[in-house]
Amino acid sequence: MRNSYVNNNIKVNEFDALIKITVEMSKYLYPYIREILKSKEDIKENSIIWSDFNKRFIELIKERFNVDSMRVKKLLNQTENGEIIIKYLLILSFCISNQGYQKLKNFLYDFLI
């Protein structure tokens, strides 16, 4: 899905390292993740937080991913992406536990298969 012209497979140790980095970053960003999820629950009071996050998410997708891919188009679709974004944020919020690394690794392996 990346906007890259090199089609290399990632090595297992690189994959594990990326998971570890993601888990550590989710621990660091947990208060922000909670605030975003909370703003989605109460959209009338906190719509600015959700809107800002959603806007930035879409900008990053357009910048870094292949926008011609059907998966990426689904992420960019404003009417469909809210549920996907919430799912990803919940997964990241679950990564802050002691078993966060294993939880994220299992989720990603299930996603890839």
N, C-alpha and C. Protein backbone atom coordinates (compact mmCIF):
# COMPACT_ATOMS: atom_id res chain seq x y z
N MET A 1 0.81 -1.20 0.00
CA MET A 1 0.00 0.00 0.00
C MET A 1 0.86 1.26 0.00
N ARG A 2 2.15 1.11 0.34
CA ARG A 2 3.02 2.27 0.39
C ARG A 2 3.25 2.82 -1.00
N ASN A 3 3.55 4.09 -1.06
CA ASN A 3 3.84 4.76 -2.31
C ASN A 3 5.32 4.59 -2.60
N SER A 4 5.71 3.37 -2.96
CA SER A 4 7.11 3.04 -3.16
C SER A 4 7.24 2.22 -4.44
N TYR A 5 8.35 2.41 -5.10
CA TYR A 5 8.58 1.69 -6.33
C TYR A 5 9.45 0.45 -6.11
N VAL A 6 9.91 0.27 -4.90
CA VAL A 6 10.72 -0.90 -4.57
C VAL A 6 9.83 -1.89 -3.86
N ASN A 7 9.78 -3.10 -4.37
CA ASN A 7 8.92 -4.12 -3.80
C ASN A 7 9.76 -5.12 -3.01
N ASN A 8 10.25 -4.70 -1.85
CA ASN A 8 11.05 -5.57 -1.00
C ASN A 8 10.19 -6.12 0.12
N ASN A 9 10.46 -7.36 0.46
CA ASN A 9 9.78 -7.95 1.61
C ASN A 9 10.55 -7.57 2.86
N ILE A 10 9.81 -7.32 3.92
CA ILE A 10 10.43 -6.94 5.18
C ILE A 10 10.92 -8.20 5.89
N LYS A 11 12.09 -8.09 6.51
CA LYS A 11 12.65 -9.22 7.25
C LYS A 11 11.95 -9.33 8.60
N VAL A 12 11.97 -10.52 9.17
CA VAL A 12 11.28 -10.78 10.44
C VAL A 12 11.82 -9.88 11.55
N ASN A 13 13.14 -9.73 11.63
CA ASN A 13 13.71 -8.89 12.70
C ASN A 13 13.36 -7.42 12.50
N GLU A 14 13.23 -6.96 11.27
CA GLU A 14 12.79 -5.59 11.00
C GLU A 14 11.33 -5.41 11.38
N PHE A 15 10.52 -6.41 11.08
CA PHE A 15 9.10 -6.40 11.44
C PHE A 15 8.94 -6.32 12.96
N ASP A 16 9.70 -7.13 13.69
CA ASP A 16 9.66 -7.10 15.15
C ASP A 16 10.11 -5.75 15.69
N ALA A 17 11.13 -5.18 15.08
CA ALA A 17 11.62 -3.87 15.53
C ALA A 17 10.56 -2.79 15.32
N LEU A 18 9.87 -2.84 14.20
CA LEU A 18 8.81 -1.86 13.93
C LEU A 18 7.66 -2.01 14.92
N ILE A 19 7.35 -3.24 15.29
CA ILE A 19 6.30 -3.47 16.29
C ILE A 19 6.72 -2.89 17.63
N LYS A 20 7.97 -3.12 18.02
CA LYS A 20 8.46 -2.59 19.30
C LYS A 20 8.42 -1.06 19.31
N ILE A 21 8.81 -0.45 18.22
CA ILE A 21 8.77 1.02 18.12
C ILE A 21 7.33 1.51 18.21
N THR A 22 6.43 0.84 17.51
CA THR A 22 5.01 1.23 17.54
C THR A 22 4.43 1.12 18.93
N VAL A 23 4.77 0.05 19.64
CA VAL A 23 4.27 -0.13 21.00
C VAL A 23 4.80 0.97 21.92
N GLU A 24 6.06 1.29 21.80
CA GLU A 24 6.64 2.35 22.64
C GLU A 24 6.03 3.71 22.32
N MET A 25 5.79 3.98 21.04
CA MET A 25 5.17 5.25 20.65
C MET A 25 3.71 5.31 21.12
N SER A 26 3.02 4.17 21.09
CA SER A 26 1.63 4.18 21.56
C SER A 26 1.57 4.45 23.06
N LYS A 27 2.56 3.99 23.81
CA LYS A 27 2.62 4.30 25.24
C LYS A 27 2.80 5.80 25.44
N TYR A 28 3.67 6.37 24.64
CA TYR A 28 3.95 7.80 24.73
C TYR A 28 2.74 8.63 24.31
N LEU A 29 2.02 8.17 23.29
CA LEU A 29 0.89 8.92 22.73
C LEU A 29 -0.46 8.54 23.32
N TYR A 30 -0.47 7.66 24.31
CA TYR A 30 -1.72 7.17 24.86
C TYR A 30 -2.68 8.29 25.31
N PRO A 31 -2.21 9.32 26.02
CA PRO A 31 -3.16 10.38 26.40
C PRO A 31 -3.82 11.05 25.19
N TYR A 32 -3.06 11.25 24.13
CA TYR A 32 -3.61 11.84 22.91
C TYR A 32 -4.60 10.88 22.25
N ILE A 33 -4.26 9.59 22.21
CA ILE A 33 -5.15 8.59 21.63
C ILE A 33 -6.48 8.56 22.38
N ARG A 34 -6.40 8.58 23.71
CA ARG A 34 -7.62 8.60 24.52
C ARG A 34 -8.47 9.83 24.23
N GLU A 35 -7.82 10.97 24.09
CA GLU A 35 -8.54 12.22 23.81
C GLU A 35 -9.24 12.15 22.45
N ILE A 36 -8.59 11.56 21.47
CA ILE A 36 -9.20 11.43 20.14
C ILE A 36 -10.42 10.51 20.21
N LEU A 37 -10.26 9.37 20.87
CA LEU A 37 -11.38 8.44 21.00
C LEU A 37 -12.54 9.06 21.77
N LYS A 38 -12.21 9.80 22.81
CA LYS A 38 -13.23 10.47 23.61
C LYS A 38 -13.96 11.52 22.77
N SER A 39 -13.21 12.23 21.92
CA SER A 39 -13.83 13.26 21.08
C SER A 39 -14.78 12.65 20.06
N LYS A 40 -14.49 11.44 19.62
CA LYS A 40 -15.37 10.78 18.66
C LYS A 40 -16.68 10.37 19.33
N GLU A 41 -16.60 10.00 20.62
CA GLU A 41 -17.82 9.64 21.36
C GLU A 41 -18.75 10.83 21.52
N ASP A 42 -18.17 11.98 21.81
CA ASP A 42 -18.97 13.19 22.05
C ASP A 42 -18.61 14.21 20.97
N ILE A 43 -19.04 13.93 19.77
CA ILE A 43 -18.65 14.72 18.60
C ILE A 43 -19.11 16.17 18.66
N LYS A 44 -20.23 16.44 19.37
CA LYS A 44 -20.73 17.81 19.44
C LYS A 44 -19.81 18.72 20.24
N GLU A 45 -19.29 18.23 21.36
CA GLU A 45 -18.43 19.05 22.20
C GLU A 45 -16.98 19.07 21.74
N ASN A 46 -16.51 17.96 21.20
CA ASN A 46 -15.09 17.83 20.89
C ASN A 46 -14.82 17.59 19.41
N SER A 47 -15.61 18.14 18.55
CA SER A 47 -15.47 17.86 17.12
C SER A 47 -14.15 18.37 16.56
N ILE A 48 -13.57 19.38 17.17
CA ILE A 48 -12.32 19.95 16.66
C ILE A 48 -11.19 18.93 16.75
N ILE A 49 -11.09 18.22 17.86
CA ILE A 49 -10.02 17.23 18.04
C ILE A 49 -10.14 16.13 16.99
N TRP A 50 -11.35 15.58 16.85
CA TRP A 50 -11.56 14.51 15.87
C TRP A 50 -11.32 15.02 14.46
N SER A 51 -11.80 16.19 14.13
CA SER A 51 -11.62 16.74 12.78
C SER A 51 -10.15 16.97 12.46
N ASP A 52 -9.42 17.52 13.42
CA ASP A 52 -7.99 17.76 13.21
C ASP A 52 -7.24 16.44 13.00
N PHE A 53 -7.56 15.47 13.83
CA PHE A 53 -6.90 14.17 13.70
C PHE A 53 -7.24 13.52 12.36
N ASN A 54 -8.50 13.51 12.01
CA ASN A 54 -8.94 12.90 10.76
C ASN A 54 -8.29 13.59 9.55
N LYS A 55 -8.23 14.89 9.60
CA LYS A 55 -7.61 15.67 8.51
C LYS A 55 -6.13 15.30 8.38
N ARG A 56 -5.43 15.24 9.50
CA ARG A 56 -4.00 14.91 9.48
C ARG A 56 -3.78 13.47 9.02
N PHE A 57 -4.64 12.56 9.45
CA PHE A 57 -4.57 11.16 9.04
C PHE A 57 -4.66 11.06 7.52
N ILE A 58 -5.62 11.75 6.94
CA ILE A 58 -5.82 11.71 5.49
C ILE A 58 -4.64 12.33 4.76
N GLU A 59 -4.12 13.43 5.29
CA GLU A 59 -2.94 14.05 4.68
C GLU A 59 -1.76 13.09 4.64
N LEU A 60 -1.54 12.39 5.74
CA LEU A 60 -0.43 11.44 5.79
C LEU A 60 -0.63 10.28 4.84
N ILE A 61 -1.85 9.79 4.73
CA ILE A 61 -2.15 8.70 3.80
C ILE A 61 -1.87 9.15 2.37
N LYS A 62 -2.34 10.33 2.00
CA LYS A 62 -2.12 10.84 0.64
C LYS A 62 -0.64 11.05 0.36
N GLU A 63 0.09 11.47 1.36
CA GLU A 63 1.51 11.77 1.20
C GLU A 63 2.36 10.50 1.06
N ARG A 64 1.99 9.46 1.80
CA ARG A 64 2.89 8.30 1.91
C ARG A 64 2.40 7.02 1.24
N PHE A 65 1.14 6.97 0.85
CA PHE A 65 0.60 5.74 0.30
C PHE A 65 0.23 5.91 -1.16
N ASN A 66 0.06 4.81 -1.81
CA ASN A 66 -0.35 4.77 -3.21
C ASN A 66 -1.86 5.00 -3.27
N VAL A 67 -2.27 6.19 -3.65
CA VAL A 67 -3.69 6.55 -3.62
C VAL A 67 -4.51 5.86 -4.71
N ASP A 68 -3.85 5.13 -5.60
CA ASP A 68 -4.58 4.38 -6.62
C ASP A 68 -5.01 3.00 -6.12
N SER A 69 -4.47 2.58 -4.99
CA SER A 69 -4.83 1.29 -4.41
C SER A 69 -6.25 1.35 -3.85
N MET A 70 -7.00 0.27 -4.01
CA MET A 70 -8.38 0.23 -3.50
C MET A 70 -8.41 0.30 -1.98
N ARG A 71 -7.45 -0.32 -1.30
CA ARG A 71 -7.40 -0.25 0.16
C ARG A 71 -7.18 1.17 0.63
N VAL A 72 -6.31 1.86 -0.06
CA VAL A 72 -6.01 3.25 0.31
C VAL A 72 -7.21 4.14 0.01
N LYS A 73 -7.88 3.91 -1.08
CA LYS A 73 -9.08 4.70 -1.40
C LYS A 73 -10.14 4.54 -0.32
N LYS A 74 -10.24 3.33 0.24
CA LYS A 74 -11.19 3.10 1.33
C LYS A 74 -10.81 3.91 2.56
N LEU A 75 -9.51 4.00 2.84
CA LEU A 75 -9.05 4.81 3.97
C LEU A 75 -9.33 6.29 3.76
N LEU A 76 -9.27 6.73 2.52
CA LEU A 76 -9.47 8.14 2.22
C LEU A 76 -10.94 8.54 2.15
N ASN A 77 -11.82 7.57 2.03
CA ASN A 77 -13.26 7.84 1.95
C ASN A 77 -13.77 8.30 3.32
N GLN A 78 -14.15 9.55 3.44
CA GLN A 78 -14.57 10.14 4.70
C GLN A 78 -15.75 9.42 5.34
N THR A 79 -16.64 8.87 4.54
CA THR A 79 -17.82 8.22 5.11
C THR A 79 -17.51 6.83 5.66
N GLU A 80 -16.43 6.20 5.18
CA GLU A 80 -16.10 4.85 5.61
C GLU A 80 -14.91 4.78 6.56
N ASN A 81 -14.07 5.80 6.58
CA ASN A 81 -12.82 5.67 7.31
C ASN A 81 -12.94 5.86 8.82
N GLY A 82 -14.01 6.45 9.30
CA GLY A 82 -14.16 6.68 10.74
C GLY A 82 -14.07 5.41 11.56
N GLU A 83 -14.75 4.38 11.10
CA GLU A 83 -14.74 3.10 11.80
C GLU A 83 -13.36 2.45 11.75
N ILE A 84 -12.69 2.56 10.63
CA ILE A 84 -11.34 2.01 10.48
C ILE A 84 -10.36 2.73 11.39
N ILE A 85 -10.44 4.04 11.42
CA ILE A 85 -9.54 4.83 12.26
C ILE A 85 -9.76 4.49 13.73
N ILE A 86 -10.99 4.38 14.14
CA ILE A 86 -11.27 4.04 15.54
C ILE A 86 -10.71 2.67 15.87
N LYS A 87 -10.86 1.73 14.97
CA LYS A 87 -10.31 0.38 15.19
C LYS A 87 -8.80 0.45 15.38
N TYR A 88 -8.10 1.20 14.54
CA TYR A 88 -6.65 1.31 14.66
C TYR A 88 -6.24 2.01 15.95
N LEU A 89 -6.99 3.04 16.33
CA LEU A 89 -6.68 3.75 17.57
C LEU A 89 -6.90 2.85 18.78
N LEU A 90 -7.96 2.05 18.75
CA LEU A 90 -8.20 1.11 19.85
C LEU A 90 -7.08 0.07 19.94
N ILE A 91 -6.64 -0.42 18.81
CA ILE A 91 -5.54 -1.38 18.80
C ILE A 91 -4.28 -0.75 19.40
N LEU A 92 -3.99 0.48 19.01
CA LEU A 92 -2.83 1.17 19.59
C LEU A 92 -3.00 1.40 21.08
N SER A 93 -4.21 1.70 21.52
CA SER A 93 -4.42 1.93 22.94
C SER A 93 -4.27 0.63 23.74
N PHE A 94 -4.57 -0.51 23.13
CA PHE A 94 -4.37 -1.78 23.81
C PHE A 94 -2.89 -2.17 23.89
N CYS A 95 -2.06 -1.52 23.11
CA CYS A 95 -0.64 -1.84 23.08
C CYS A 95 0.13 -1.30 24.27
N ILE A 96 -0.49 -0.51 25.10
CA ILE A 96 0.25 0.07 26.22
C ILE A 96 0.40 -0.90 27.38
N SER A 97 -0.28 -2.02 27.34
CA SER A 97 -0.19 -2.99 28.42
C SER A 97 1.15 -3.72 28.37
N ASN A 98 1.40 -4.54 29.37
CA ASN A 98 2.64 -5.31 29.41
C ASN A 98 2.74 -6.29 28.25
N GLN A 99 1.59 -6.75 27.76
CA GLN A 99 1.58 -7.68 26.63
C GLN A 99 1.32 -6.96 25.31
N GLY A 100 1.54 -5.67 25.28
CA GLY A 100 1.25 -4.88 24.09
C GLY A 100 1.97 -5.34 22.85
N TYR A 101 3.25 -5.68 23.02
CA TYR A 101 4.04 -6.15 21.88
C TYR A 101 3.40 -7.40 21.26
N GLN A 102 3.05 -8.36 22.12
CA GLN A 102 2.49 -9.61 21.63
C GLN A 102 1.10 -9.40 21.02
N LYS A 103 0.30 -8.51 21.62
CA LYS A 103 -1.03 -8.22 21.08
C LYS A 103 -0.94 -7.62 19.68
N LEU A 104 -0.05 -6.64 19.51
CA LEU A 104 0.08 -6.00 18.21
C LEU A 104 0.65 -6.97 17.18
N LYS A 105 1.61 -7.75 17.59
CA LYS A 105 2.22 -8.74 16.69
C LYS A 105 1.16 -9.74 16.21
N ASN A 106 0.35 -10.25 17.13
CA ASN A 106 -0.71 -11.19 16.76
C ASN A 106 -1.71 -10.55 15.81
N PHE A 107 -2.09 -9.31 16.10
CA PHE A 107 -3.05 -8.62 15.24
C PHE A 107 -2.48 -8.46 13.84
N LEU A 108 -1.24 -8.04 13.73
CA LEU A 108 -0.63 -7.81 12.41
C LEU A 108 -0.44 -9.11 11.65
N TYR A 109 -0.07 -10.18 12.34
CA TYR A 109 0.03 -11.47 11.66
C TYR A 109 -1.33 -11.92 11.14
N ASP A 110 -2.37 -11.73 11.92
CA ASP A 110 -3.73 -12.07 11.48
C ASP A 110 -4.14 -11.23 10.28
N PHE A 111 -3.73 -9.95 10.29
CA PHE A 111 -4.06 -9.03 9.21
C PHE A 111 -3.36 -9.44 7.91
N LEU A 112 -2.12 -9.91 8.02
CA LEU A 112 -1.34 -10.25 6.84
C LEU A 112 -1.77 -11.57 6.21
N ILE A 113 -2.34 -12.44 7.02
CA ILE A 113 -2.70 -13.76 6.50
C ILE A 113 -4.04 -13.76 5.84
